[in-house]
Amino acid sequence: MVPQGLLESIRLAAQMLKTHVDEGSLIRFVTHNDADGLCSGGILALAAHRLGARFKISGEKRLDEELVGRVEGEDPDLVVFSDFGSGYLELLSQLSKPTLVLDHHMAHGDKPPNVTHVNPLDHGVDGAREISASGVAYMVARELDAGNRDLAPLALVGALGDQQDNGPMKTLTGLNKELEEEAKGNHLLETQKGLVFYGYETRPLAKAIAYTTTPYIPELSGEEGNCLAFLREVGIETMEAGRPRALRDLDEEEMTRLFSALSKHMVSSGCDPESVHQLVGTIYTLKLEEPSTPLRGGREFGSLLNACGRMGRPGVGLSIVMGDRGEALVEAEEAVAEYRRAIGAALDWAVSGEGLEEGGLVYVLRGGGQVEEAVIGVVSGILLGQGILDRGKPIVGLAQTEEGQVKVSARTVPELAERGIHLGTLIQKAAENVGGDGGGHDIAAGAYLPVGTEEEFIEAFEELLAQAINQG
């Protein structure tokens, strides 16, 4: 059930959009460049397009003074931020026009008069687990016109891309679950239990295993040749009637055999036995997408969008969200391959022990020239989530940016968050302590720092973390 306060703020946002559309305003949509951002921005742009609105949209890596100045210079009549904005409310006071923020991250600063702010956290809804920015954007679109209910699968893709499938058997929970049931009721989505590999319906078996990095399978993730050899050793045929078999083609006995073999392999490779459970979960299938494309599976769709954003092609991702199934999809597949290679190379380097330091309270992954800014977050998450590292400690990844800054990506586990430790708040305070900025959720956060302040940042973060642990 949507809390009444959140419902009222969604209605206010929808009315604000509708008024500007009716007045012929130029609307500027600005969205984050990850899967949740691209889905939330795409949903809003589609809803606006259906109303005949004048608008421009772009996917952006970060919200800073340069971006705000660029948007201000375009002189739109209404600015709409999705999947970021809550952490930069005071910065948005620099915009002279009405500004709408649809987000699910923790707010920071006082809300200026020009900003209308819609955030589930303000209404007791967990924005890290129960609803993403895509879900918020979808509810606004649905309020604009009931005909936008066909966009519900995009809201779920955004949530899956943000790894909000944290319920039993990797299910969506909270308001995400309500949107899932709505999509099912409208025959847009179906779910089943199984091995949650990349491309459940579409990819040849070896490629499905090789392309899977959540969970990360040592010696198999990113190594298609090794996966083929592994399948032969397990005794599972990869071809049938002259065509490659996908996971959906395996019978129950083969599926059990594969799961057992992969479990033994992961444990023998040093993974936490608990991480084996990440192999099995709920598969989300988008019924209106072609079975032969990577958009058929919800997680695969989300992974594709994340790859587009991280590899500097957010416009391609937005085109796909808004319906392009031609050249944009081909280019997106290229981005996926590039993204997978970058993750695989970074993980191999990190697992070897280079650049990874264990302190008293945190792990620090110093990416240097070995881990790209685009993948530092996912690599940090995999290292911690697989049990390769002590799950009792957060990990802080550091990577150089093209703009000459240091990108920070921090991850922790739900057990620490349950003790009241909010990673986003700690990272934000530590970053501001050295002249940077940051924020995020309780289990995942990020920041940008001036070069040369890394050690001071780590010290500040560890001190703040120690205080939080003692208070908890």
Protein backbone atom coordinates (compact mmCIF):
# COMPACT_ATOMS: atom_id res chain seq x y z
CA MET A 1 0.00 0.00 0.00
CA VAL A 2 1.38 3.39 -1.01
CA PRO A 3 1.51 5.65 2.08
CA GLN A 4 -0.94 8.52 1.84
CA GLY A 5 1.79 11.14 2.12
CA LEU A 6 3.80 9.60 -0.71
CA LEU A 7 0.66 9.30 -2.82
CA GLU A 8 -0.10 12.98 -2.30
CA SER A 9 3.43 14.02 -3.31
CA ILE A 10 3.19 11.82 -6.43
CA ARG A 11 -0.10 13.47 -7.36
CA LEU A 12 1.47 16.90 -6.85
CA ALA A 13 4.38 15.94 -9.13
CA ALA A 14 2.02 14.61 -11.80
CA GLN A 15 -0.06 17.77 -11.70
CA MET A 16 3.08 19.88 -11.96
CA LEU A 17 4.15 17.99 -15.08
CA LYS A 18 0.67 18.09 -16.60
CA THR A 19 0.39 21.86 -16.09
CA HIS A 20 3.70 22.46 -17.86
CA VAL A 21 2.75 20.15 -20.72
CA ASP A 22 -0.57 21.97 -21.16
CA GLU A 23 1.26 25.31 -21.20
CA GLY A 24 3.64 24.11 -23.91
CA SER A 25 6.66 24.41 -21.60
CA LEU A 26 10.07 23.04 -22.47
CA ILE A 27 10.75 20.30 -19.91
CA ARG A 28 14.33 19.26 -19.18
CA PHE A 29 14.64 15.70 -17.83
CA VAL A 30 18.02 14.95 -16.19
CA THR A 31 18.57 11.41 -14.96
CA HIS A 32 21.34 9.29 -13.51
CA ASN A 33 23.18 7.07 -15.97
CA ASP A 34 22.70 3.68 -14.26
CA ALA A 35 19.86 1.23 -14.95
CA ASP A 36 17.50 2.76 -12.39
CA GLY A 37 18.23 6.27 -13.63
CA LEU A 38 17.80 5.36 -17.30
CA CYS A 39 14.53 3.54 -16.57
CA SER A 40 13.14 6.34 -14.40
CA GLY A 41 14.11 9.01 -16.93
CA GLY A 42 12.82 6.93 -19.81
CA ILE A 43 9.48 6.35 -18.09
CA LEU A 44 9.02 10.09 -17.54
CA ALA A 45 10.06 10.93 -21.09
CA LEU A 46 7.68 8.35 -22.55
CA ALA A 47 4.82 9.68 -20.44
CA ALA A 48 5.64 13.23 -21.56
CA HIS A 49 5.91 12.18 -25.20
CA ARG A 50 2.48 10.54 -25.07
CA LEU A 51 1.06 13.86 -23.90
CA GLY A 52 2.72 15.71 -26.76
CA ALA A 53 5.20 17.53 -24.50
CA ARG A 54 8.26 19.46 -25.58
CA PHE A 55 11.23 17.99 -23.74
CA LYS A 56 14.91 17.12 -23.73
CA ILE A 57 16.48 14.26 -21.75
CA SER A 58 20.00 13.15 -20.91
CA GLY A 59 21.64 10.56 -18.67
CA GLU A 60 24.42 11.97 -16.50
CA LYS A 61 27.21 10.46 -14.42
CA ARG A 62 26.95 12.88 -11.52
CA LEU A 63 25.08 15.93 -10.32
CA ASP A 64 27.46 18.82 -9.71
CA GLU A 65 27.78 22.57 -10.28
CA GLU A 66 28.93 22.04 -13.86
CA LEU A 67 25.78 20.07 -14.72
CA VAL A 68 23.49 22.52 -12.93
CA GLY A 69 25.12 25.42 -14.78
CA ARG A 70 24.74 23.65 -18.11
CA VAL A 71 21.05 22.95 -17.49
CA GLU A 72 20.45 26.53 -16.34
CA GLY A 73 22.05 27.78 -19.55
CA GLU A 74 19.55 25.80 -21.61
CA ASP A 75 16.75 27.91 -20.08
CA PRO A 76 14.04 25.23 -19.75
CA ASP A 77 10.70 26.04 -18.16
CA LEU A 78 10.78 23.01 -15.84
CA VAL A 79 13.70 20.82 -14.73
CA VAL A 80 13.07 17.25 -13.57
CA PHE A 81 15.80 15.20 -11.87
CA SER A 82 15.32 11.46 -11.45
CA ASP A 83 17.43 9.02 -9.42
CA PHE A 84 19.56 11.85 -8.08
CA GLY A 85 18.94 15.26 -6.62
CA SER A 86 17.98 14.48 -3.01
CA GLY A 87 21.59 14.66 -1.89
CA TYR A 88 22.14 18.04 -3.57
CA LEU A 89 19.07 20.05 -2.65
CA GLU A 90 20.95 23.25 -1.79
CA LEU A 91 22.89 23.06 -5.08
CA LEU A 92 19.57 23.01 -6.95
CA SER A 93 18.76 26.46 -5.57
CA GLN A 94 21.05 27.74 -8.34
CA LEU A 95 18.35 26.87 -10.87
CA SER A 96 16.05 29.78 -11.59
CA LYS A 97 13.12 27.68 -12.84
CA PRO A 98 10.77 25.26 -11.04
CA THR A 99 12.56 21.99 -10.31
CA LEU A 100 11.10 18.56 -9.58
CA VAL A 101 13.19 15.84 -7.89
CA LEU A 102 12.08 12.20 -8.00
CA ASP A 103 14.59 10.18 -6.01
CA HIS A 104 15.06 7.40 -3.45
CA HIS A 105 18.42 8.40 -1.90
CA MET A 106 18.84 10.11 1.45
CA ALA A 107 18.24 13.86 1.33
CA HIS A 108 20.93 16.33 2.30
CA GLY A 109 20.52 20.05 2.91
CA ASP A 110 17.49 22.27 3.13
CA LYS A 111 14.99 22.17 0.28
CA PRO A 112 15.00 25.50 -1.59
CA PRO A 113 11.70 27.15 -2.60
CA ASN A 114 12.12 26.29 -6.28
CA VAL A 115 12.28 22.52 -5.62
CA THR A 116 9.40 20.06 -5.33
CA HIS A 117 10.83 16.93 -3.72
CA VAL A 118 9.32 13.42 -4.00
CA ASN A 119 11.15 10.75 -2.04
CA PRO A 120 9.75 7.55 -0.45
CA LEU A 121 12.18 7.91 2.48
CA ASP A 122 10.16 10.92 3.63
CA HIS A 123 7.15 8.64 4.05
CA GLY A 124 8.63 5.63 5.84
CA VAL A 125 9.39 3.59 2.72
CA ASP A 126 12.87 2.07 2.40
CA GLY A 127 14.36 3.53 -0.78
CA ALA A 128 17.26 1.07 -0.77
CA ARG A 129 15.09 -2.05 -0.75
CA GLU A 130 11.38 -1.43 -1.31
CA ILE A 131 11.19 1.06 -4.19
CA SER A 132 13.64 2.60 -6.63
CA ALA A 133 13.53 5.86 -8.55
CA SER A 134 11.99 3.95 -11.45
CA GLY A 135 9.10 2.93 -9.24
CA VAL A 136 8.57 6.53 -8.14
CA ALA A 137 8.70 7.73 -11.76
CA TYR A 138 6.26 5.01 -12.81
CA MET A 139 3.75 6.02 -10.13
CA VAL A 140 3.94 9.60 -11.36
CA ALA A 141 3.44 8.43 -14.97
CA ARG A 142 0.50 6.26 -13.92
CA GLU A 143 -1.04 9.23 -12.14
CA LEU A 144 -0.64 11.29 -15.31
CA ASP A 145 -2.52 8.72 -17.39
CA ALA A 146 -3.73 5.22 -16.56
CA GLY A 147 -2.61 4.21 -20.06
CA ASN A 148 0.97 4.36 -18.80
CA ARG A 149 0.45 1.14 -16.84
CA ASP A 150 2.23 -0.65 -19.68
CA LEU A 151 5.44 0.96 -18.36
CA ALA A 152 5.36 -1.06 -15.12
CA PRO A 153 8.00 -3.57 -16.34
CA LEU A 154 10.47 -0.71 -16.74
CA ALA A 155 9.97 0.19 -13.09
CA LEU A 156 10.91 -3.38 -12.17
CA VAL A 157 13.93 -3.40 -14.48
CA GLY A 158 15.19 -0.31 -12.66
CA ALA A 159 14.68 -1.96 -9.28
CA LEU A 160 16.45 -5.14 -10.40
CA GLY A 161 19.28 -3.06 -11.87
CA ASP A 162 19.61 -1.43 -8.44
CA GLN A 163 19.76 -4.92 -6.86
CA GLN A 164 16.58 -4.47 -4.86
CA ASP A 165 15.72 -8.16 -5.26
CA ASN A 166 16.59 -8.72 -1.60
CA GLY A 167 13.59 -10.81 -0.53
CA PRO A 168 13.53 -14.61 -0.14
CA MET A 169 14.67 -16.33 -3.34
CA LYS A 170 15.88 -12.97 -4.72
CA THR A 171 12.39 -11.49 -4.93
CA LEU A 172 11.30 -7.86 -4.99
CA THR A 173 9.62 -6.61 -1.84
CA GLY A 174 7.61 -3.66 -0.53
CA LEU A 175 6.12 -1.32 -3.12
CA ASN A 176 8.21 -3.06 -5.80
CA LYS A 177 6.19 -6.20 -5.09
CA GLU A 178 2.95 -4.28 -5.58
CA LEU A 179 4.19 -3.03 -8.96
CA GLU A 180 5.22 -6.58 -9.84
CA GLU A 181 1.72 -7.88 -9.11
CA GLU A 182 0.22 -5.04 -11.16
CA ALA A 183 2.45 -5.96 -14.12
CA LYS A 184 1.48 -9.61 -13.81
CA GLY A 185 -2.20 -8.68 -13.65
CA ASN A 186 -1.81 -6.79 -16.92
CA HIS A 187 -0.05 -9.78 -18.56
CA LEU A 188 3.22 -7.88 -18.89
CA LEU A 189 5.36 -10.04 -16.61
CA GLU A 190 5.80 -13.60 -15.41
CA THR A 191 8.11 -15.07 -12.78
CA GLN A 192 9.56 -18.47 -12.00
CA LYS A 193 12.26 -19.97 -9.77
CA GLY A 194 15.56 -21.13 -11.22
CA LEU A 195 19.25 -20.42 -11.71
CA VAL A 196 19.53 -16.65 -11.99
CA PHE A 197 22.17 -16.45 -14.68
CA TYR A 198 22.54 -13.75 -17.27
CA GLY A 199 20.34 -14.59 -20.25
CA TYR A 200 18.20 -17.38 -18.78
CA GLU A 201 16.11 -17.62 -21.94
CA THR A 202 18.41 -16.20 -24.57
CA ARG A 203 22.07 -17.08 -24.00
CA PRO A 204 23.91 -20.32 -24.79
CA LEU A 205 24.72 -22.13 -21.54
CA ALA A 206 28.45 -21.36 -21.46
CA LYS A 207 27.87 -17.70 -22.28
CA ALA A 208 25.13 -17.42 -19.64
CA ILE A 209 27.52 -18.64 -16.94
CA ALA A 210 30.45 -16.58 -18.24
CA TYR A 211 28.41 -13.38 -18.40
CA THR A 212 27.21 -13.78 -14.80
CA THR A 213 29.08 -11.71 -12.23
CA THR A 214 26.42 -11.62 -9.49
CA PRO A 215 27.31 -14.04 -8.08
CA TYR A 216 30.90 -13.99 -9.25
CA ILE A 217 32.08 -17.54 -9.99
CA PRO A 218 35.88 -17.81 -9.80
CA GLU A 219 37.50 -19.08 -13.00
CA LEU A 220 34.11 -19.14 -14.78
CA SER A 221 32.74 -15.58 -14.74
CA GLY A 222 34.13 -13.92 -17.84
CA GLU A 223 35.73 -17.15 -19.11
CA GLU A 224 33.49 -18.73 -21.73
CA GLY A 225 36.07 -21.37 -22.67
CA ASN A 226 36.36 -22.50 -19.06
CA CYS A 227 32.56 -22.65 -18.85
CA LEU A 228 32.36 -24.95 -21.88
CA ALA A 229 34.93 -27.27 -20.31
CA PHE A 230 33.06 -27.16 -17.00
CA LEU A 231 29.76 -28.12 -18.65
CA ARG A 232 31.44 -31.02 -20.47
CA GLU A 233 32.91 -32.23 -17.18
CA VAL A 234 29.50 -32.05 -15.50
CA GLY A 235 27.98 -33.97 -18.42
CA ILE A 236 25.53 -31.36 -19.67
CA GLU A 237 25.03 -31.10 -23.42
CA THR A 238 25.41 -27.59 -24.81
CA MET A 239 23.74 -28.28 -28.17
CA GLU A 240 20.35 -29.73 -29.09
CA ALA A 241 18.99 -30.31 -32.58
CA GLY A 242 21.77 -28.19 -34.05
CA ARG A 243 21.21 -25.14 -31.85
CA PRO A 244 22.81 -23.96 -28.59
CA ARG A 245 20.90 -24.80 -25.44
CA ALA A 246 19.90 -22.09 -22.96
CA LEU A 247 19.17 -22.54 -19.27
CA ARG A 248 15.44 -22.74 -20.00
CA ASP A 249 16.15 -25.92 -22.03
CA LEU A 250 17.54 -27.88 -19.07
CA ASP A 251 15.30 -30.44 -17.40
CA GLU A 252 14.98 -30.59 -13.61
CA GLU A 253 17.67 -33.25 -13.19
CA GLU A 254 20.17 -31.28 -15.29
CA MET A 255 19.38 -28.08 -13.42
CA THR A 256 20.00 -29.81 -10.08
CA ARG A 257 23.24 -31.34 -11.35
CA LEU A 258 24.50 -27.99 -12.60
CA PHE A 259 23.62 -26.22 -9.36
CA SER A 260 25.39 -28.90 -7.31
CA ALA A 261 28.53 -28.74 -9.45
CA LEU A 262 28.65 -24.95 -9.36
CA SER A 263 28.13 -24.93 -5.59
CA LYS A 264 31.05 -27.29 -5.04
CA HIS A 265 33.21 -25.28 -7.41
CA MET A 266 32.49 -21.97 -5.66
CA VAL A 267 33.15 -23.32 -2.16
CA SER A 268 36.37 -25.05 -3.26
CA SER A 269 37.44 -21.74 -4.84
CA GLY A 270 37.17 -19.91 -1.51
CA CYS A 271 33.67 -18.41 -1.72
CA ASP A 272 31.51 -18.22 1.38
CA PRO A 273 29.08 -21.19 1.36
CA GLU A 274 26.27 -18.68 1.90
CA SER A 275 27.07 -17.02 -1.44
CA VAL A 276 26.06 -20.23 -3.20
CA HIS A 277 22.44 -19.34 -2.51
CA GLN A 278 22.82 -16.39 -4.88
CA LEU A 279 22.81 -18.90 -7.74
CA VAL A 280 19.11 -19.60 -7.30
CA GLY A 281 16.27 -17.12 -7.24
CA THR A 282 13.31 -15.58 -9.01
CA ILE A 283 13.49 -15.04 -12.75
CA TYR A 284 11.61 -12.01 -14.09
CA THR A 285 10.46 -12.37 -17.69
CA LEU A 286 9.08 -9.41 -19.65
CA LYS A 287 6.38 -11.02 -21.77
CA LEU A 288 6.14 -8.33 -24.46
CA GLU A 289 9.87 -8.45 -25.28
CA GLU A 290 11.13 -10.82 -27.97
CA PRO A 291 12.44 -14.09 -26.48
CA SER A 292 15.60 -13.84 -28.55
CA THR A 293 16.75 -10.50 -27.11
CA PRO A 294 18.54 -9.59 -23.85
CA LEU A 295 15.53 -7.45 -22.93
CA ARG A 296 13.37 -10.49 -22.24
CA GLY A 297 14.87 -11.04 -18.77
CA GLY A 298 14.48 -8.29 -16.18
CA ARG A 299 17.97 -8.66 -14.73
CA GLU A 300 19.58 -8.96 -18.15
CA PHE A 301 17.75 -5.80 -19.27
CA GLY A 302 19.02 -4.01 -16.16
CA SER A 303 22.57 -5.24 -16.73
CA LEU A 304 22.45 -4.01 -20.32
CA LEU A 305 21.36 -0.54 -19.19
CA ASN A 306 24.04 -0.42 -16.51
CA ALA A 307 26.62 -1.30 -19.14
CA CYS A 308 25.38 1.50 -21.40
CA GLY A 309 25.66 4.06 -18.64
CA ARG A 310 28.99 2.90 -17.24
CA MET A 311 30.58 2.65 -20.68
CA GLY A 312 29.65 6.23 -21.56
CA ARG A 313 26.59 5.48 -23.71
CA PRO A 314 23.61 6.57 -21.60
CA GLY A 315 21.82 7.89 -24.69
CA VAL A 316 21.81 4.38 -26.12
CA GLY A 317 20.25 3.07 -22.91
CA LEU A 318 17.59 5.79 -22.95
CA SER A 319 16.79 4.98 -26.59
CA ILE A 320 16.20 1.33 -25.66
CA VAL A 321 14.02 2.21 -22.67
CA MET A 322 11.96 4.44 -24.97
CA GLY A 323 11.42 1.67 -27.50
CA ASP A 324 14.38 1.48 -29.93
CA ARG A 325 14.95 -2.18 -30.75
CA GLY A 326 17.21 -1.64 -33.76
CA GLU A 327 20.66 -0.04 -33.92
CA ALA A 328 20.57 1.01 -30.27
CA LEU A 329 20.25 -2.62 -29.19
CA VAL A 330 23.25 -3.63 -31.30
CA GLU A 331 25.34 -0.85 -29.79
CA ALA A 332 24.15 -1.79 -26.30
CA GLU A 333 25.33 -5.37 -26.79
CA GLU A 334 28.77 -4.00 -27.64
CA ALA A 335 28.71 -1.97 -24.43
CA VAL A 336 27.78 -5.11 -22.46
CA ALA A 337 30.75 -7.02 -23.86
CA GLU A 338 33.06 -4.11 -23.04
CA TYR A 339 31.60 -3.82 -19.53
CA ARG A 340 32.01 -7.55 -18.84
CA ARG A 341 35.62 -7.50 -19.96
CA ALA A 342 36.35 -4.54 -17.68
CA ILE A 343 34.71 -6.25 -14.68
CA GLY A 344 36.46 -9.56 -15.34
CA ALA A 345 39.90 -7.96 -15.66
CA ALA A 346 39.37 -5.87 -12.53
CA LEU A 347 38.18 -8.85 -10.49
CA ASP A 348 41.09 -11.03 -11.57
CA TRP A 349 43.46 -8.26 -10.52
CA ALA A 350 41.69 -7.61 -7.21
CA VAL A 351 41.36 -11.29 -6.24
CA SER A 352 45.11 -11.68 -6.79
CA GLY A 353 45.55 -9.40 -3.77
CA GLU A 354 47.11 -6.43 -5.52
CA GLY A 355 45.66 -3.12 -4.48
CA LEU A 356 43.51 -4.65 -1.75
CA GLU A 357 44.30 -3.67 1.84
CA GLU A 358 42.64 -4.83 5.04
CA GLY A 359 42.47 -2.31 7.85
CA GLY A 360 41.07 -2.67 11.31
CA LEU A 361 37.53 -1.68 10.29
CA VAL A 362 37.45 -1.55 6.47
CA TYR A 363 38.91 -3.00 3.31
CA VAL A 364 40.34 -0.52 0.81
CA LEU A 365 40.56 -1.39 -2.88
CA ARG A 366 43.00 1.00 -4.54
CA GLY A 367 42.10 0.73 -8.17
CA GLY A 368 44.93 2.87 -9.49
CA GLY A 369 45.21 2.29 -13.21
CA GLN A 370 43.88 -1.26 -12.94
CA VAL A 371 40.20 -0.73 -12.09
CA GLU A 372 38.16 1.69 -14.18
CA GLU A 373 35.88 4.21 -12.53
CA ALA A 374 32.99 2.57 -14.39
CA VAL A 375 33.34 -0.76 -12.55
CA ILE A 376 34.87 0.13 -9.16
CA GLY A 377 31.44 -0.10 -7.50
CA VAL A 378 30.40 -3.45 -8.93
CA VAL A 379 33.85 -4.94 -8.26
CA SER A 380 33.73 -3.78 -4.64
CA GLY A 381 30.25 -5.23 -4.25
CA ILE A 382 31.25 -8.60 -5.70
CA LEU A 383 34.33 -8.90 -3.49
CA LEU A 384 32.26 -8.29 -0.37
CA GLY A 385 29.09 -10.12 -1.40
CA GLN A 386 30.83 -13.36 -2.38
CA GLY A 387 32.39 -13.89 1.00
CA ILE A 388 35.84 -13.51 -0.55
CA LEU A 389 36.33 -10.86 2.13
CA ASP A 390 35.21 -10.72 5.74
CA ARG A 391 31.54 -9.70 5.55
CA GLY A 392 31.82 -7.86 8.84
CA LYS A 393 33.80 -5.04 7.27
CA PRO A 394 32.75 -2.51 4.61
CA ILE A 395 34.86 -2.10 1.49
CA VAL A 396 35.88 1.24 0.03
CA GLY A 397 36.96 1.24 -3.61
CA LEU A 398 39.01 4.09 -5.06
CA ALA A 399 39.48 4.82 -8.77
CA GLN A 400 40.78 7.72 -10.85
CA THR A 401 38.25 9.62 -12.96
CA GLU A 402 38.78 11.15 -16.39
CA GLU A 403 38.07 14.55 -14.84
CA GLY A 404 41.05 14.25 -12.49
CA GLN A 405 39.20 13.32 -9.31
CA VAL A 406 38.96 10.19 -7.18
CA LYS A 407 35.77 8.14 -7.39
CA VAL A 408 34.78 6.35 -4.18
CA SER A 409 32.43 3.38 -4.16
CA ALA A 410 31.65 1.88 -0.76
CA ARG A 411 29.67 -1.25 0.01
CA THR A 412 28.60 -3.01 3.18
CA VAL A 413 26.23 -5.83 4.05
CA PRO A 414 22.68 -5.71 5.46
CA GLU A 415 23.89 -7.03 8.82
CA LEU A 416 25.77 -3.78 9.48
CA ALA A 417 22.87 -1.65 8.24
CA GLU A 418 20.56 -3.50 10.63
CA ARG A 419 22.73 -2.24 13.47
CA GLY A 420 21.83 1.31 12.47
CA ILE A 421 24.99 2.07 10.51
CA HIS A 422 24.14 4.18 7.45
CA LEU A 423 26.99 3.96 4.95
CA GLY A 424 25.71 6.86 2.83
CA THR A 425 25.74 9.26 5.77
CA LEU A 426 29.26 8.23 6.83
CA ILE A 427 30.66 8.50 3.31
CA GLN A 428 29.01 11.90 2.84
CA LYS A 429 30.53 13.28 6.06
CA ALA A 430 33.98 11.84 5.33
CA ALA A 431 33.94 13.24 1.78
CA GLU A 432 32.89 16.71 2.91
CA ASN A 433 35.71 16.58 5.47
CA VAL A 434 38.25 16.62 2.60
CA GLY A 435 36.43 18.96 0.22
CA GLY A 436 34.54 16.29 -1.70
CA ASP A 437 30.90 15.31 -1.89
CA GLY A 438 28.99 12.06 -1.67
CA GLY A 439 26.11 10.08 -0.20
CA GLY A 440 23.90 7.11 -0.92
CA HIS A 441 22.01 4.29 0.76
CA ASP A 442 22.73 2.47 4.02
CA ILE A 443 24.44 -0.43 2.22
CA ALA A 444 25.88 1.29 -0.87
CA ALA A 445 27.33 4.77 -1.24
CA GLY A 446 29.71 6.82 -3.35
CA ALA A 447 31.67 10.04 -3.43
CA TYR A 448 34.08 12.17 -5.44
CA LEU A 449 37.26 13.48 -3.82
CA PRO A 450 40.08 15.83 -4.78
CA VAL A 451 43.21 13.88 -5.76
CA GLY A 452 45.60 13.57 -2.86
CA THR A 453 42.94 13.47 -0.14
CA GLU A 454 42.41 9.70 -0.19
CA GLU A 455 44.31 8.91 3.02
CA GLU A 456 42.63 11.72 4.94
CA PHE A 457 39.26 10.49 3.64
CA ILE A 458 39.91 6.90 4.73
CA GLU A 459 40.99 8.06 8.18
CA ALA A 460 37.88 10.21 8.55
CA PHE A 461 35.63 7.39 7.35
CA GLU A 462 37.17 4.86 9.77
CA GLU A 463 36.79 7.31 12.65
CA LEU A 464 33.12 7.94 11.79
CA LEU A 465 32.53 4.20 11.39
CA ALA A 466 34.09 3.44 14.78
CA GLN A 467 31.83 6.03 16.40
CA ALA A 468 28.77 4.54 14.68
CA ILE A 469 29.70 1.01 15.76
CA ASN A 470 30.21 2.09 19.37
CA GLN A 471 26.91 3.96 19.41
CA GLY A 472 25.16 0.97 17.83
